[in-house]
């Protein structure tokens, strides 16, 4: 079961990293918008933290909001 969860966590991490890269949003802006620390985001993207489904959705909404209003920088 733990291996399955690790695969799910890895899939979420990869999806988040891809969305962040494609959007052009800077990690610090995403962290601020999503209400997490830059360190938490860095750890999550590096695979050192699990990303729950709810947290992933929150981060993706933050990426979308920043990209729409041109707050990528």
PDB file of N, CA and C in Angstrom:
ATOM      1  N   UNK A   1       0.823  -1.199   0.000  1.00  0.00           N
ATOM      2  CA  UNK A   1       0.000   0.000   0.000  1.00  0.00           C
ATOM      3  C   UNK A   1       0.866   1.262   0.000  1.00  0.00           C
ATOM      4  N   UNK A   2       1.982   1.206   0.743  1.00  0.00           N
ATOM      5  CA  UNK A   2       2.843   2.380   0.810  1.00  0.00           C
ATOM      6  C   UNK A   2       3.428   2.716  -0.559  1.00  0.00           C
ATOM      7  N   UNK A   3       3.760   1.693  -1.347  1.00  0.00           N
ATOM      8  CA  UNK A   3       4.301   1.934  -2.676  1.00  0.00           C
ATOM      9  C   UNK A   3       3.269   2.628  -3.556  1.00  0.00           C
ATOM     10  N   UNK A   4       2.025   2.232  -3.434  1.00  0.00           N
ATOM     11  CA  UNK A   4       0.960   2.868  -4.212  1.00  0.00           C
ATOM     12  C   UNK A   4       0.854   4.339  -3.836  1.00  0.00           C
ATOM     13  N   UNK A   5       0.916   4.649  -2.553  1.00  0.00           N
ATOM     14  CA  UNK A   5       0.844   6.041  -2.112  1.00  0.00           C
ATOM     15  C   UNK A   5       2.044   6.828  -2.630  1.00  0.00           C
ATOM     16  N   UNK A   6       3.222   6.208  -2.623  1.00  0.00           N
ATOM     17  CA  UNK A   6       4.396   6.902  -3.145  1.00  0.00           C
ATOM     18  C   UNK A   6       4.230   7.208  -4.624  1.00  0.00           C
ATOM     19  N   UNK A   7       3.619   6.293  -5.361  1.00  0.00           N
ATOM     20  CA  UNK A   7       3.370   6.532  -6.780  1.00  0.00           C
ATOM     21  C   UNK A   7       2.378   7.671  -6.970  1.00  0.00           C
ATOM     22  N   UNK A   8       1.360   7.721  -6.119  1.00  0.00           N
ATOM     23  CA  UNK A   8       0.373   8.801  -6.181  1.00  0.00           C
ATOM     24  C   UNK A   8       1.042  10.127  -5.850  1.00  0.00           C
ATOM     25  N   UNK A   9       1.842  10.149  -4.791  1.00  0.00           N
ATOM     26  CA  UNK A   9       2.559  11.369  -4.412  1.00  0.00           C
ATOM     27  C   UNK A   9       3.480  11.833  -5.536  1.00  0.00           C
ATOM     28  N   UNK A  10       4.176  10.893  -6.165  1.00  0.00           N
ATOM     29  CA  UNK A  10       5.085  11.240  -7.253  1.00  0.00           C
ATOM     30  C   UNK A  10       4.313  11.793  -8.446  1.00  0.00           C
ATOM     31  N   UNK A  11       3.177  11.205  -8.743  1.00  0.00           N
ATOM     32  CA  UNK A  11       2.356  11.698  -9.856  1.00  0.00           C
ATOM     33  C   UNK A  11       1.867  13.114  -9.572  1.00  0.00           C
ATOM     34  N   UNK A  12       1.452  13.381  -8.342  1.00  0.00           N
ATOM     35  CA  UNK A  12       1.008  14.730  -7.967  1.00  0.00           C
ATOM     36  C   UNK A  12       2.157  15.721  -8.069  1.00  0.00           C
ATOM     37  N   UNK A  13       3.335  15.313  -7.600  1.00  0.00           N
ATOM     38  CA  UNK A  13       4.501  16.190  -7.642  1.00  0.00           C
ATOM     39  C   UNK A  13       4.857  16.532  -9.085  1.00  0.00           C
ATOM     40  N   UNK A  14       4.856  15.535  -9.945  1.00  0.00           N
ATOM     41  CA  UNK A  14       5.186  15.772 -11.349  1.00  0.00           C
ATOM     42  C   UNK A  14       4.151  16.670 -12.018  1.00  0.00           C
ATOM     43  N   UNK A  15       2.889  16.444 -11.703  1.00  0.00           N
ATOM     44  CA  UNK A  15       1.821  17.262 -12.289  1.00  0.00           C
ATOM     45  C   UNK A  15       1.968  18.714 -11.847  1.00  0.00           C
ATOM     46  N   UNK A  16       2.234  18.914 -10.563  1.00  0.00           N
ATOM     47  CA  UNK A  16       2.421  20.265 -10.038  1.00  0.00           C
ATOM     48  C   UNK A  16       3.639  20.933 -10.677  1.00  0.00           C
ATOM     49  N   UNK A  17       4.736  20.217 -10.769  1.00  0.00           N
ATOM     50  CA  UNK A  17       5.952  20.779 -11.363  1.00  0.00           C
ATOM     51  C   UNK A  17       5.716  21.169 -12.820  1.00  0.00           C
ATOM     52  N   UNK A  18       5.008  20.341 -13.552  1.00  0.00           N
ATOM     53  CA  UNK A  18       4.720  20.635 -14.957  1.00  0.00           C
ATOM     54  C   UNK A  18       3.822  21.861 -15.079  1.00  0.00           C
ATOM     55  N   UNK A  19       2.783  21.921 -14.248  1.00  0.00           N
ATOM     56  CA  UNK A  19       1.868  23.067 -14.292  1.00  0.00           C
ATOM     57  C   UNK A  19       2.608  24.354 -13.948  1.00  0.00           C
ATOM     58  N   UNK A  20       3.472  24.287 -12.960  1.00  0.00           N
ATOM     59  CA  UNK A  20       4.245  25.463 -12.554  1.00  0.00           C
ATOM     60  C   UNK A  20       5.170  25.915 -13.682  1.00  0.00           C
ATOM     61  N   UNK A  21       5.851  24.974 -14.301  1.00  0.00           N
ATOM     62  CA  UNK A  21       6.769  25.307 -15.394  1.00  0.00           C
ATOM     63  C   UNK A  21       6.021  25.892 -16.589  1.00  0.00           C
ATOM     64  N   UNK A  22       4.922  25.279 -16.977  1.00  0.00           N
ATOM     65  CA  UNK A  22       4.173  25.739 -18.144  1.00  0.00           C
ATOM     66  C   UNK A  22       3.540  27.110 -17.929  1.00  0.00           C
ATOM     67  N   UNK A  23       3.188  27.418 -16.688  1.00  0.00           N
ATOM     68  CA  UNK A  23       2.524  28.687 -16.403  1.00  0.00           C
ATOM     69  C   UNK A  23       3.489  29.865 -16.392  1.00  0.00           C
ATOM     70  N   UNK A  24       4.745  29.604 -16.089  1.00  0.00           N
ATOM     71  CA  UNK A  24       5.708  30.683 -15.949  1.00  0.00           C
ATOM     72  C   UNK A  24       5.632  31.370 -14.594  1.00  0.00           C
ATOM     73  N   UNK A  25       4.778  30.886 -13.715  1.00  0.00           N
ATOM     74  CA  UNK A  25       4.640  31.449 -12.371  1.00  0.00           C
ATOM     75  C   UNK A  25       5.885  31.092 -11.567  1.00  0.00           C
ATOM     76  N   UNK A  26       6.412  32.064 -10.855  1.00  0.00           N
ATOM     77  CA  UNK A  26       7.583  31.818 -10.022  1.00  0.00           C
ATOM     78  C   UNK A  26       7.157  31.111  -8.735  1.00  0.00           C
ATOM     79  N   UNK A  27       7.993  30.200  -8.249  1.00  0.00           N
ATOM     80  CA  UNK A  27       7.646  29.451  -7.041  1.00  0.00           C
ATOM     81  C   UNK A  27       7.316  30.327  -5.833  1.00  0.00           C
ATOM     82  N   UNK A  28       8.035  31.424  -5.641  1.00  0.00           N
ATOM     83  CA  UNK A  28       7.759  32.284  -4.486  1.00  0.00           C
ATOM     84  C   UNK A  28       6.376  32.913  -4.593  1.00  0.00           C
ATOM     85  N   UNK A  29       5.980  33.292  -5.807  1.00  0.00           N
ATOM     86  CA  UNK A  29       4.644  33.863  -5.997  1.00  0.00           C
ATOM     87  C   UNK A  29       3.581  32.807  -5.729  1.00  0.00           C
ATOM     88  N   UNK A  30       3.829  31.588  -6.178  1.00  0.00           N
ATOM     89  CA  UNK A  30       2.881  30.500  -5.933  1.00  0.00           C
ATOM     90  C   UNK A  30       2.757  30.223  -4.444  1.00  0.00           C
ATOM     91  N   UNK A  31       3.878  30.158  -3.757  1.00  0.00           N
ATOM     92  CA  UNK A  31       3.850  29.890  -2.321  1.00  0.00           C
ATOM     93  C   UNK A  31       3.032  30.950  -1.589  1.00  0.00           C
ATOM     94  N   UNK A  32       3.269  32.200  -1.923  1.00  0.00           N
ATOM     95  CA  UNK A  32       2.515  33.284  -1.275  1.00  0.00           C
ATOM     96  C   UNK A  32       1.027  33.180  -1.568  1.00  0.00           C
ATOM     97  N   UNK A  33       0.679  32.961  -2.832  1.00  0.00           N
ATOM     98  CA  UNK A  33      -0.726  32.885  -3.238  1.00  0.00           C
ATOM     99  C   UNK A  33      -1.424  31.702  -2.569  1.00  0.00           C
ATOM    100  N   UNK A  34      -0.723  30.587  -2.438  1.00  0.00           N
ATOM    101  CA  UNK A  34      -1.327  29.363  -1.902  1.00  0.00           C
ATOM    102  C   UNK A  34      -1.259  29.287  -0.382  1.00  0.00           C
ATOM    103  N   UNK A  35      -0.540  30.202   0.239  1.00  0.00           N
ATOM    104  CA  UNK A  35      -0.463  30.211   1.695  1.00  0.00           C
ATOM    105  C   UNK A  35       0.459  29.152   2.275  1.00  0.00           C
ATOM    106  N   UNK A  36       1.501  28.806   1.528  1.00  0.00           N
ATOM    107  CA  UNK A  36       2.510  27.881   2.037  1.00  0.00           C
ATOM    108  C   UNK A  36       3.853  28.592   1.995  1.00  0.00           C
ATOM    109  N   UNK A  37       4.813  28.053   2.723  1.00  0.00           N
ATOM    110  CA  UNK A  37       6.143  28.653   2.680  1.00  0.00           C
ATOM    111  C   UNK A  37       6.870  28.202   1.423  1.00  0.00           C
ATOM    112  N   UNK A  38       7.842  28.989   1.016  1.00  0.00           N
ATOM    113  CA  UNK A  38       8.650  28.609  -0.146  1.00  0.00           C
ATOM    114  C   UNK A  38       9.381  27.307   0.153  1.00  0.00           C
ATOM    115  N   UNK A  39       9.794  27.123   1.401  1.00  0.00           N
ATOM    116  CA  UNK A  39      10.483  25.885   1.784  1.00  0.00           C
ATOM    117  C   UNK A  39       9.555  24.685   1.645  1.00  0.00           C
ATOM    118  N   UNK A  40       8.288  24.836   2.068  1.00  0.00           N
ATOM    119  CA  UNK A  40       7.328  23.731   1.924  1.00  0.00           C
ATOM    120  C   UNK A  40       7.177  23.376   0.456  1.00  0.00           C
ATOM    121  N   UNK A  41       7.013  24.385  -0.382  1.00  0.00           N
ATOM    122  CA  UNK A  41       6.842  24.144  -1.813  1.00  0.00           C
ATOM    123  C   UNK A  41       8.085  23.483  -2.402  1.00  0.00           C
ATOM    124  N   UNK A  42       9.257  23.957  -2.034  1.00  0.00           N
ATOM    125  CA  UNK A  42      10.504  23.358  -2.522  1.00  0.00           C
ATOM    126  C   UNK A  42      10.612  21.901  -2.102  1.00  0.00           C
ATOM    127  N   UNK A  43      10.283  21.631  -0.839  1.00  0.00           N
ATOM    128  CA  UNK A  43      10.320  20.252  -0.345  1.00  0.00           C
ATOM    129  C   UNK A  43       9.329  19.369  -1.093  1.00  0.00           C
ATOM    130  N   UNK A  44       8.137  19.891  -1.341  1.00  0.00           N
ATOM    131  CA  UNK A  44       7.111  19.119  -2.048  1.00  0.00           C
ATOM    132  C   UNK A  44       7.546  18.823  -3.475  1.00  0.00           C
ATOM    133  N   UNK A  45       8.105  19.816  -4.145  1.00  0.00           N
ATOM    134  CA  UNK A  45       8.558  19.616  -5.524  1.00  0.00           C
ATOM    135  C   UNK A  45       9.757  18.673  -5.599  1.00  0.00           C
ATOM    136  N   UNK A  46      10.550  18.624  -4.539  1.00  0.00           N
ATOM    137  CA  UNK A  46      11.710  17.734  -4.494  1.00  0.00           C
ATOM    138  C   UNK A  46      11.328  16.314  -4.088  1.00  0.00           C
ATOM    139  N   UNK A  47      10.080  16.116  -3.697  1.00  0.00           N
ATOM    140  CA  UNK A  47       9.630  14.790  -3.290  1.00  0.00           C
ATOM    141  C   UNK A  47       9.833  14.501  -1.820  1.00  0.00           C
ATOM    142  N   UNK A  48      10.155  15.516  -1.039  1.00  0.00           N
ATOM    143  CA  UNK A  48      10.395  15.326   0.388  1.00  0.00           C
ATOM    144  C   UNK A  48       9.145  15.516   1.236  1.00  0.00           C
ATOM    145  N   UNK A  49       8.051  15.880   0.622  1.00  0.00           N
ATOM    146  CA  UNK A  49       6.771  16.046   1.313  1.00  0.00           C
ATOM    147  C   UNK A  49       5.681  15.440   0.454  1.00  0.00           C
ATOM    148  N   UNK A  50       4.708  14.870   1.123  1.00  0.00           N
ATOM    149  CA  UNK A  50       3.540  14.363   0.405  1.00  0.00           C
ATOM    150  C   UNK A  50       2.638  15.545   0.060  1.00  0.00           C
ATOM    151  N   UNK A  51       1.962  15.452  -1.060  1.00  0.00           N
ATOM    152  CA  UNK A  51       1.026  16.493  -1.481  1.00  0.00           C
ATOM    153  C   UNK A  51      -0.358  15.867  -1.525  1.00  0.00           C
ATOM    154  N   UNK A  52      -1.225  16.312  -0.634  1.00  0.00           N
ATOM    155  CA  UNK A  52      -2.585  15.768  -0.609  1.00  0.00           C
ATOM    156  C   UNK A  52      -3.359  16.256  -1.823  1.00  0.00           C
ATOM    157  N   UNK A  53      -4.445  15.572  -2.110  1.00  0.00           N
ATOM    158  CA  UNK A  53      -5.290  15.966  -3.239  1.00  0.00           C
ATOM    159  C   UNK A  53      -5.824  17.384  -3.039  1.00  0.00           C
ATOM    160  N   UNK A  54      -6.241  17.706  -1.821  1.00  0.00           N
ATOM    161  CA  UNK A  54      -6.758  19.051  -1.540  1.00  0.00           C
ATOM    162  C   UNK A  54      -5.678  20.113  -1.713  1.00  0.00           C
ATOM    163  N   UNK A  55      -4.473  19.824  -1.242  1.00  0.00           N
ATOM    164  CA  UNK A  55      -3.374  20.787  -1.373  1.00  0.00           C
ATOM    165  C   UNK A  55      -3.007  20.966  -2.842  1.00  0.00           C
ATOM    166  N   UNK A  56      -2.997  19.876  -3.603  1.00  0.00           N
ATOM    167  CA  UNK A  56      -2.696  19.969  -5.030  1.00  0.00           C
ATOM    168  C   UNK A  56      -3.711  20.863  -5.725  1.00  0.00           C
ATOM    169  N   UNK A  57      -4.986  20.663  -5.433  1.00  0.00           N
ATOM    170  CA  UNK A  57      -6.028  21.496  -6.041  1.00  0.00           C
ATOM    171  C   UNK A  57      -5.838  22.960  -5.670  1.00  0.00           C
ATOM    172  N   UNK A  58      -5.496  23.227  -4.426  1.00  0.00           N
ATOM    173  CA  UNK A  58      -5.260  24.596  -3.972  1.00  0.00           C
ATOM    174  C   UNK A  58      -4.081  25.223  -4.713  1.00  0.00           C
ATOM    175  N   UNK A  59      -3.019  24.481  -4.871  1.00  0.00           N
ATOM    176  CA  UNK A  59      -1.842  24.982  -5.579  1.00  0.00           C
ATOM    177  C   UNK A  59      -2.142  25.223  -7.053  1.00  0.00           C
ATOM    178  N   UNK A  60      -2.895  24.329  -7.670  1.00  0.00           N
ATOM    179  CA  UNK A  60      -3.240  24.501  -9.085  1.00  0.00           C
ATOM    180  C   UNK A  60      -4.151  25.709  -9.291  1.00  0.00           C
ATOM    181  N   UNK A  61      -5.083  25.930  -8.366  1.00  0.00           N
ATOM    182  CA  UNK A  61      -5.937  27.126  -8.445  1.00  0.00           C
ATOM    183  C   UNK A  61      -5.093  28.388  -8.305  1.00  0.00           C
ATOM    184  N   UNK A  62      -4.118  28.355  -7.419  1.00  0.00           N
ATOM    185  CA  UNK A  62      -3.241  29.511  -7.228  1.00  0.00           C
ATOM    186  C   UNK A  62      -2.417  29.779  -8.487  1.00  0.00           C
ATOM    187  N   UNK A  63      -1.913  28.735  -9.120  1.00  0.00           N
ATOM    188  CA  UNK A  63      -1.166  28.898 -10.374  1.00  0.00           C
ATOM    189  C   UNK A  63      -2.063  29.545 -11.416  1.00  0.00           C
ATOM    190  N   UNK A  64      -3.268  29.034 -11.537  1.00  0.00           N
ATOM    191  CA  UNK A  64      -4.214  29.564 -12.528  1.00  0.00           C
ATOM    192  C   UNK A  64      -4.521  31.034 -12.265  1.00  0.00           C
ATOM    193  N   UNK A  65      -4.775  31.375 -11.005  1.00  0.00           N
ATOM    194  CA  UNK A  65      -5.101  32.759 -10.655  1.00  0.00           C
ATOM    195  C   UNK A  65      -3.931  33.689 -10.968  1.00  0.00           C
ATOM    196  N   UNK A  66      -2.729  33.271 -10.628  1.00  0.00           N
ATOM    197  CA  UNK A  66      -1.553  34.102 -10.897  1.00  0.00           C
ATOM    198  C   UNK A  66      -1.311  34.259 -12.390  1.00  0.00           C
ATOM    199  N   UNK A  67      -1.456  33.189 -13.129  1.00  0.00           N
ATOM    200  CA  UNK A  67      -1.224  33.243 -14.575  1.00  0.00           C
ATOM    201  C   UNK A  67      -2.254  34.132 -15.260  1.00  0.00           C
ATOM    202  N   UNK A  68      -3.507  34.061 -14.811  1.00  0.00           N
ATOM    203  CA  UNK A  68      -4.574  34.859 -15.424  1.00  0.00           C
ATOM    204  C   UNK A  68      -4.374  36.349 -15.215  1.00  0.00           C
ATOM    205  N   UNK A  69      -3.901  36.720 -14.049  1.00  0.00           N
ATOM    206  CA  UNK A  69      -3.760  38.155 -13.780  1.00  0.00           C
ATOM    207  C   UNK A  69      -2.354  38.668 -14.072  1.00  0.00           C
ATOM    208  N   UNK A  70      -1.547  37.820 -14.680  1.00  0.00           N
ATOM    209  CA  UNK A  70      -0.210  38.257 -15.062  1.00  0.00           C
ATOM    210  C   UNK A  70       0.725  38.384 -13.892  1.00  0.00           C
ATOM    211  N   UNK A  71       0.417  37.715 -12.806  1.00  0.00           N
ATOM    212  CA  UNK A  71       1.250  37.789 -11.617  1.00  0.00           C
ATOM    213  C   UNK A  71       2.321  36.732 -11.586  1.00  0.00           C
ATOM    214  N   UNK A  72       2.753  36.324 -12.747  1.00  0.00           N
ATOM    215  CA  UNK A  72       3.744  35.260 -12.820  1.00  0.00           C
ATOM    216  C   UNK A  72       5.110  35.708 -12.330  1.00  0.00           C
ATOM    217  N   UNK A  73       5.327  37.003 -12.261  1.00  0.00           N
ATOM    218  CA  UNK A  73       6.648  37.484 -11.853  1.00  0.00           C
ATOM    219  C   UNK A  73       6.671  37.892 -10.459  1.00  0.00           C
TER     220      UNK A  73
END
